[in-house]
């Protein structure tokens, strides 16, 4: 159901839906644009392995930035949209992994 060209996702991806060697369940279908390098990665571990620098978290006043990519439809959503999504893409309604919230502090100012 790819609806548009996807941004490049760096890291050790295992499929075209942004799953990686670290997180690859059927629900692991998002990538995060890291503030520090303006590049998409499937997870913080991929960023650590590939980027060559530390990561920065997105500040609350930056939550209107499009920084989350749905790996099914390639919809880029704002951080605010993602956090309010109830673990579903607002565009294609694909389910996201609800356990990603355990890592929010690595990506977003909470």
Protein backbone atom coordinates (compact mmCIF):
# COMPACT_ATOMS: atom_id res chain seq x y z
CA UNK A 1 0.00 0.00 0.00
CA UNK A 2 2.89 2.38 -0.65
CA UNK A 3 1.35 5.70 -1.62
CA UNK A 4 4.38 7.89 -2.18
CA UNK A 5 8.13 7.75 -2.42
CA UNK A 6 9.67 7.07 0.93
CA UNK A 7 12.44 9.13 2.46
CA UNK A 8 15.69 7.23 2.84
CA UNK A 9 15.81 5.25 6.08
CA UNK A 10 19.32 4.54 7.31
CA UNK A 11 20.35 1.70 9.58
CA UNK A 12 20.15 -2.03 9.41
CA UNK A 13 16.69 -2.34 7.89
CA UNK A 14 15.36 -5.79 7.09
CA UNK A 15 12.44 -4.83 4.84
CA UNK A 16 10.82 -1.99 2.93
CA UNK A 17 8.50 -1.20 5.87
CA UNK A 18 11.37 0.18 8.03
CA UNK A 19 11.70 -2.88 10.25
CA UNK A 20 15.27 -3.35 11.44
CA UNK A 21 17.45 -6.05 12.93
CA UNK A 22 16.60 -4.75 16.42
CA UNK A 23 12.82 -4.32 16.06
CA UNK A 24 11.05 -6.35 13.40
CA UNK A 25 7.64 -7.45 14.62
CA UNK A 26 4.64 -6.90 12.33
CA UNK A 27 3.95 -3.68 14.30
CA UNK A 28 7.47 -2.19 14.01
CA UNK A 29 6.71 -0.02 11.00
CA UNK A 30 7.82 3.48 11.89
CA UNK A 31 11.06 5.34 11.43
CA UNK A 32 12.11 8.43 13.34
CA UNK A 33 13.86 11.44 11.87
CA UNK A 34 16.60 12.21 14.34
CA UNK A 35 16.93 15.87 15.23
CA UNK A 36 20.73 15.72 15.42
CA UNK A 37 21.29 14.68 11.81
CA UNK A 38 17.94 15.16 10.03
CA UNK A 39 18.03 11.50 8.93
CA UNK A 40 15.46 8.74 9.39
CA UNK A 41 16.39 5.60 11.33
CA UNK A 42 14.15 2.71 12.42
CA UNK A 43 15.33 2.92 16.03
CA UNK A 44 17.83 4.43 18.45
CA UNK A 45 20.07 1.37 18.19
CA UNK A 46 20.38 1.74 14.41
CA UNK A 47 21.24 5.41 14.93
CA UNK A 48 23.90 4.51 17.51
CA UNK A 49 25.49 1.98 15.18
CA UNK A 50 25.47 4.02 11.98
CA UNK A 51 25.36 7.77 12.67
CA UNK A 52 28.73 8.21 14.34
CA UNK A 53 27.40 10.79 16.82
CA UNK A 54 25.07 11.03 19.81
CA UNK A 55 21.39 11.71 19.40
CA UNK A 56 19.32 14.72 20.46
CA UNK A 57 15.72 14.64 21.61
CA UNK A 58 13.00 16.72 19.98
CA UNK A 59 11.85 19.49 22.36
CA UNK A 60 8.14 19.91 23.13
CA UNK A 61 8.00 23.16 21.18
CA UNK A 62 9.21 21.21 18.10
CA UNK A 63 6.44 18.59 18.13
CA UNK A 64 4.88 20.12 14.98
CA UNK A 65 7.88 18.94 12.96
CA UNK A 66 7.26 16.05 10.57
CA UNK A 67 9.62 13.49 12.08
CA UNK A 68 7.77 10.16 12.07
CA UNK A 69 7.46 7.99 8.98
CA UNK A 70 4.88 5.23 8.55
CA UNK A 71 6.67 2.34 6.86
CA UNK A 72 3.49 1.09 5.22
CA UNK A 73 2.18 4.20 3.42
CA UNK A 74 5.21 6.54 3.75
CA UNK A 75 3.11 9.20 5.44
CA UNK A 76 5.32 11.64 7.33
CA UNK A 77 3.51 12.84 10.41
CA UNK A 78 4.36 15.37 13.03
CA UNK A 79 5.56 14.19 16.40
CA UNK A 80 2.33 15.57 17.87
CA UNK A 81 0.23 13.54 15.39
CA UNK A 82 2.22 10.41 16.18
CA UNK A 83 1.93 10.81 19.94
CA UNK A 84 -1.85 11.33 19.60
CA UNK A 85 -2.32 8.51 17.08
CA UNK A 86 -3.38 5.75 19.50
CA UNK A 87 -0.74 3.57 17.85
CA UNK A 88 -2.27 3.74 14.35
CA UNK A 89 -1.21 5.63 11.28
CA UNK A 90 -3.66 8.52 10.80
CA UNK A 91 -3.31 8.08 7.03
CA UNK A 92 -3.50 4.31 6.33
CA UNK A 93 -4.63 3.10 9.80
CA UNK A 94 -1.84 0.51 10.07
CA UNK A 95 -1.10 -0.47 13.66
CA UNK A 96 2.10 0.73 15.33
CA UNK A 97 3.90 -1.05 18.16
CA UNK A 98 2.42 0.29 21.42
CA UNK A 99 5.64 -0.64 23.24
CA UNK A 100 7.52 2.10 21.40
CA UNK A 101 6.36 4.38 24.21
CA UNK A 102 9.02 2.77 26.41
CA UNK A 103 11.62 4.57 24.27
CA UNK A 104 9.93 7.96 23.86
CA UNK A 105 12.42 9.55 26.26
CA UNK A 106 15.19 8.71 23.78
CA UNK A 107 13.47 10.67 21.00
CA UNK A 108 11.16 13.25 22.56
CA UNK A 109 11.17 15.64 25.50
CA UNK A 110 8.48 14.20 27.72
